[in-house]
C-alpha cells in the first residue's frame, strides 16, 4: 500500500492548487470514481516513494563509483550522477 497504512491517523491539511492542477486532479478522480482527496493522497505517496527510490539509486551509483577501478565506468557513473544531480 505504500507509505500510509490504513490504521494511521489522518491529519487535515489545507492546500491551494493552481487551477489547471485542480482540474487535472478532478478529472483523475472522476475517471477513477473516487474523491479528489484520495487522488491527492495517492499522488503524494507516489511522489514520496519516487523520491526515496531516486535517493537509493543515487547512493547505489555512488557506491559503484567508489568500488570501480575501470576509468571508463567511473566516467560513465560520474556522468550519470551529474545528470541526476544537475539535470545535465
N, C-alpha and C. Protein backbone atom coordinates (compact mmCIF):
# COMPACT_ATOMS: atom_id res chain seq x y z
N UNK A 1 0.82 -1.19 0.00
CA UNK A 1 0.00 0.00 0.00
C UNK A 1 0.86 1.25 0.00
N UNK A 2 2.11 1.16 0.29
CA UNK A 2 2.96 2.34 0.27
C UNK A 2 3.25 2.87 1.65
N UNK A 3 3.41 4.16 1.71
CA UNK A 3 3.88 4.81 2.92
C UNK A 3 2.80 4.88 4.00
N UNK A 4 1.56 5.11 3.62
CA UNK A 4 0.49 5.31 4.60
C UNK A 4 -0.26 4.01 4.85
N UNK A 5 -0.46 3.68 6.10
CA UNK A 5 -1.21 2.47 6.42
C UNK A 5 -2.66 2.82 6.74
N UNK A 6 -3.51 1.81 6.68
CA UNK A 6 -4.94 2.02 6.94
C UNK A 6 -5.21 2.47 8.37
N UNK A 7 -4.39 2.01 9.34
CA UNK A 7 -4.65 2.33 10.74
C UNK A 7 -4.05 3.67 11.16
N UNK A 8 -3.28 4.26 10.28
CA UNK A 8 -2.65 5.53 10.62
C UNK A 8 -3.70 6.64 10.71
N UNK A 9 -3.54 7.49 11.70
CA UNK A 9 -4.46 8.60 11.91
C UNK A 9 -4.24 9.67 10.85
N UNK A 10 -5.30 10.18 10.27
CA UNK A 10 -5.21 11.23 9.25
C UNK A 10 -5.04 12.59 9.90
N UNK A 11 -4.34 13.46 9.22
CA UNK A 11 -4.16 14.84 9.66
C UNK A 11 -4.71 15.75 8.58
N UNK A 12 -5.58 16.64 8.96
CA UNK A 12 -6.19 17.55 7.99
C UNK A 12 -5.20 18.63 7.60
N UNK A 13 -5.04 18.83 6.28
CA UNK A 13 -4.16 19.85 5.74
C UNK A 13 -4.94 20.67 4.72
N UNK A 14 -4.56 21.92 4.61
CA UNK A 14 -5.17 22.78 3.61
C UNK A 14 -4.11 23.08 2.55
N UNK A 15 -4.46 22.83 1.30
CA UNK A 15 -3.52 23.04 0.21
C UNK A 15 -4.23 23.82 -0.89
N UNK A 16 -3.58 24.85 -1.39
CA UNK A 16 -4.10 25.60 -2.54
C UNK A 16 -3.41 25.08 -3.79
N UNK A 17 -4.20 24.70 -4.77
CA UNK A 17 -3.67 24.18 -6.02
C UNK A 17 -3.91 25.18 -7.14
N UNK A 18 -2.96 25.27 -8.06
CA UNK A 18 -3.24 26.07 -9.26
C UNK A 18 -4.45 25.48 -9.98
N UNK A 19 -5.22 26.30 -10.62
CA UNK A 19 -6.48 25.87 -11.25
C UNK A 19 -6.27 24.71 -12.22
N UNK A 20 -5.21 24.75 -13.01
CA UNK A 20 -5.00 23.69 -14.00
C UNK A 20 -4.72 22.34 -13.33
N UNK A 21 -4.02 22.36 -12.19
CA UNK A 21 -3.75 21.12 -11.47
C UNK A 21 -5.02 20.62 -10.79
N UNK A 22 -5.80 21.54 -10.23
CA UNK A 22 -7.06 21.15 -9.58
C UNK A 22 -7.99 20.49 -10.60
N UNK A 23 -8.06 21.03 -11.81
CA UNK A 23 -8.90 20.43 -12.85
C UNK A 23 -8.40 19.04 -13.22
N UNK A 24 -7.09 18.90 -13.30
CA UNK A 24 -6.50 17.61 -13.63
C UNK A 24 -6.80 16.58 -12.54
N UNK A 25 -6.67 16.99 -11.28
CA UNK A 25 -6.97 16.10 -10.15
C UNK A 25 -8.45 15.69 -10.19
N UNK A 26 -9.33 16.64 -10.44
CA UNK A 26 -10.76 16.34 -10.52
C UNK A 26 -11.06 15.35 -11.66
N UNK A 27 -10.37 15.52 -12.78
CA UNK A 27 -10.57 14.61 -13.92
C UNK A 27 -10.11 13.20 -13.57
N UNK A 28 -8.99 13.09 -12.89
CA UNK A 28 -8.49 11.78 -12.46
C UNK A 28 -9.49 11.15 -11.48
N UNK A 29 -9.97 11.95 -10.54
CA UNK A 29 -10.93 11.45 -9.55
C UNK A 29 -12.20 10.94 -10.23
N UNK A 30 -12.67 11.68 -11.21
CA UNK A 30 -13.89 11.27 -11.91
C UNK A 30 -13.65 9.96 -12.67
N UNK A 31 -12.51 9.85 -13.32
CA UNK A 31 -12.18 8.63 -14.06
C UNK A 31 -12.07 7.43 -13.14
N UNK A 32 -11.47 7.64 -11.98
CA UNK A 32 -11.28 6.54 -11.02
C UNK A 32 -12.50 6.31 -10.14
N UNK A 33 -13.47 7.20 -10.25
CA UNK A 33 -14.67 7.15 -9.41
C UNK A 33 -14.30 7.18 -7.93
N UNK A 34 -13.50 8.17 -7.59
CA UNK A 34 -13.06 8.36 -6.21
C UNK A 34 -13.03 9.86 -5.92
N UNK A 35 -12.59 10.22 -4.74
CA UNK A 35 -12.55 11.64 -4.37
C UNK A 35 -11.24 12.29 -4.81
N UNK A 36 -11.29 13.59 -4.97
CA UNK A 36 -10.08 14.35 -5.28
C UNK A 36 -9.07 14.19 -4.15
N UNK A 37 -9.56 14.12 -2.92
CA UNK A 37 -8.68 13.93 -1.77
C UNK A 37 -7.90 12.63 -1.90
N UNK A 38 -8.58 11.54 -2.28
CA UNK A 38 -7.91 10.24 -2.45
C UNK A 38 -6.86 10.31 -3.54
N UNK A 39 -7.17 11.01 -4.63
CA UNK A 39 -6.22 11.18 -5.73
C UNK A 39 -4.99 11.93 -5.24
N UNK A 40 -5.21 13.00 -4.48
CA UNK A 40 -4.07 13.78 -3.96
C UNK A 40 -3.20 12.93 -3.04
N UNK A 41 -3.81 12.16 -2.16
CA UNK A 41 -3.04 11.29 -1.26
C UNK A 41 -2.23 10.29 -2.07
N UNK A 42 -2.88 9.68 -3.08
CA UNK A 42 -2.17 8.71 -3.91
C UNK A 42 -1.00 9.35 -4.65
N UNK A 43 -1.21 10.53 -5.20
CA UNK A 43 -0.15 11.23 -5.92
C UNK A 43 1.01 11.62 -4.99
N UNK A 44 0.68 12.06 -3.80
CA UNK A 44 1.72 12.43 -2.83
C UNK A 44 2.51 11.19 -2.41
N UNK A 45 1.81 10.09 -2.13
CA UNK A 45 2.50 8.85 -1.77
C UNK A 45 3.42 8.38 -2.90
N UNK A 46 2.92 8.44 -4.13
CA UNK A 46 3.74 8.03 -5.28
C UNK A 46 4.96 8.93 -5.43
N UNK A 47 4.77 10.21 -5.21
CA UNK A 47 5.89 11.15 -5.29
C UNK A 47 6.94 10.89 -4.21
N UNK A 48 6.48 10.62 -3.00
CA UNK A 48 7.41 10.33 -1.90
C UNK A 48 8.18 9.04 -2.16
N UNK A 49 7.47 8.02 -2.66
CA UNK A 49 8.13 6.75 -2.98
C UNK A 49 9.13 6.93 -4.11
N UNK A 50 8.78 7.75 -5.09
CA UNK A 50 9.68 8.02 -6.21
C UNK A 50 10.95 8.74 -5.74
N UNK A 51 10.79 9.70 -4.86
CA UNK A 51 11.95 10.42 -4.31
C UNK A 51 12.85 9.47 -3.54
N UNK A 52 12.26 8.57 -2.76
CA UNK A 52 13.05 7.60 -2.00
C UNK A 52 13.81 6.67 -2.94
N UNK A 53 13.14 6.21 -3.99
CA UNK A 53 13.79 5.33 -4.97
C UNK A 53 14.93 6.06 -5.67
N UNK A 54 14.73 7.32 -5.98
CA UNK A 54 15.77 8.12 -6.63
C UNK A 54 16.98 8.27 -5.70
N UNK A 55 16.72 8.50 -4.44
CA UNK A 55 17.80 8.62 -3.45
C UNK A 55 18.57 7.31 -3.35
N UNK A 56 17.86 6.18 -3.29
CA UNK A 56 18.51 4.88 -3.22
C UNK A 56 19.34 4.60 -4.47
N UNK A 57 18.82 4.97 -5.64
CA UNK A 57 19.57 4.78 -6.88
C UNK A 57 20.83 5.63 -6.89
N UNK A 58 20.73 6.87 -6.40
CA UNK A 58 21.90 7.75 -6.33
C UNK A 58 23.00 7.12 -5.48
N UNK A 59 22.63 6.64 -4.30
CA UNK A 59 23.64 6.05 -3.41
C UNK A 59 24.20 4.75 -3.97
N UNK A 60 23.37 3.98 -4.69
CA UNK A 60 23.88 2.76 -5.33
C UNK A 60 24.91 3.11 -6.39
N UNK A 61 24.63 4.15 -7.18
CA UNK A 61 25.60 4.59 -8.20
C UNK A 61 26.87 5.12 -7.54
N UNK A 62 26.71 5.88 -6.45
CA UNK A 62 27.89 6.42 -5.75
C UNK A 62 28.75 5.28 -5.19
N UNK A 63 28.11 4.25 -4.66
CA UNK A 63 28.86 3.10 -4.16
C UNK A 63 29.59 2.38 -5.29
N UNK A 64 28.91 2.21 -6.44
CA UNK A 64 29.57 1.58 -7.58
C UNK A 64 30.77 2.41 -8.04
N UNK A 65 30.63 3.74 -8.00
CA UNK A 65 31.73 4.61 -8.40
C UNK A 65 32.94 4.42 -7.50
N UNK A 66 32.70 4.35 -6.21
CA UNK A 66 33.83 4.20 -5.28
C UNK A 66 34.49 2.83 -5.38
N UNK A 67 33.72 1.83 -5.83
CA UNK A 67 34.27 0.48 -5.94
C UNK A 67 34.88 0.18 -7.30
N UNK A 68 34.58 1.01 -8.29
CA UNK A 68 35.03 0.75 -9.65
C UNK A 68 36.52 1.08 -9.82
N UNK A 69 37.19 0.24 -10.62
CA UNK A 69 38.60 0.51 -10.95
C UNK A 69 38.75 0.80 -12.44
N UNK A 70 37.65 0.69 -13.20
CA UNK A 70 37.66 0.93 -14.63
C UNK A 70 37.41 2.41 -14.91
N UNK A 71 38.39 3.13 -15.50
CA UNK A 71 38.22 4.57 -15.76
C UNK A 71 37.00 4.88 -16.63
N UNK A 72 36.69 4.05 -17.60
CA UNK A 72 35.53 4.31 -18.46
C UNK A 72 34.23 4.20 -17.66
N UNK A 73 34.16 3.17 -16.82
CA UNK A 73 32.96 3.01 -15.99
C UNK A 73 32.86 4.15 -14.97
N UNK A 74 33.98 4.57 -14.41
CA UNK A 74 33.98 5.68 -13.45
C UNK A 74 33.43 6.94 -14.11
N UNK A 75 33.86 7.21 -15.35
CA UNK A 75 33.37 8.42 -16.04
C UNK A 75 31.88 8.31 -16.34
N UNK A 76 31.44 7.12 -16.76
CA UNK A 76 30.02 6.91 -17.03
C UNK A 76 29.19 7.12 -15.77
N UNK A 77 29.66 6.60 -14.65
CA UNK A 77 28.96 6.76 -13.38
C UNK A 77 28.95 8.21 -12.92
N UNK A 78 30.07 8.92 -13.11
CA UNK A 78 30.12 10.35 -12.77
C UNK A 78 29.12 11.13 -13.61
N UNK A 79 29.06 10.81 -14.90
CA UNK A 79 28.11 11.49 -15.78
C UNK A 79 26.67 11.24 -15.35
N UNK A 80 26.37 10.00 -14.99
CA UNK A 80 25.02 9.66 -14.54
C UNK A 80 24.67 10.38 -13.23
N UNK A 81 25.60 10.44 -12.31
CA UNK A 81 25.37 11.16 -11.06
C UNK A 81 25.18 12.66 -11.32
N UNK A 82 25.94 13.20 -12.25
CA UNK A 82 25.78 14.62 -12.60
C UNK A 82 24.40 14.87 -13.19
N UNK A 83 23.93 13.98 -14.07
CA UNK A 83 22.58 14.12 -14.64
C UNK A 83 21.51 14.09 -13.55
N UNK A 84 21.69 13.17 -12.62
CA UNK A 84 20.71 13.06 -11.52
C UNK A 84 20.71 14.30 -10.65
N UNK A 85 21.90 14.85 -10.42
CA UNK A 85 22.03 15.98 -9.50
C UNK A 85 21.71 17.32 -10.17
N UNK A 86 22.25 17.51 -11.38
CA UNK A 86 22.16 18.82 -12.01
C UNK A 86 21.28 18.84 -13.26
N UNK A 87 20.83 17.67 -13.71
CA UNK A 87 19.99 17.62 -14.89
C UNK A 87 20.73 17.89 -16.18
N UNK A 88 22.04 17.72 -16.16
CA UNK A 88 22.83 17.96 -17.38
C UNK A 88 23.29 16.67 -18.00
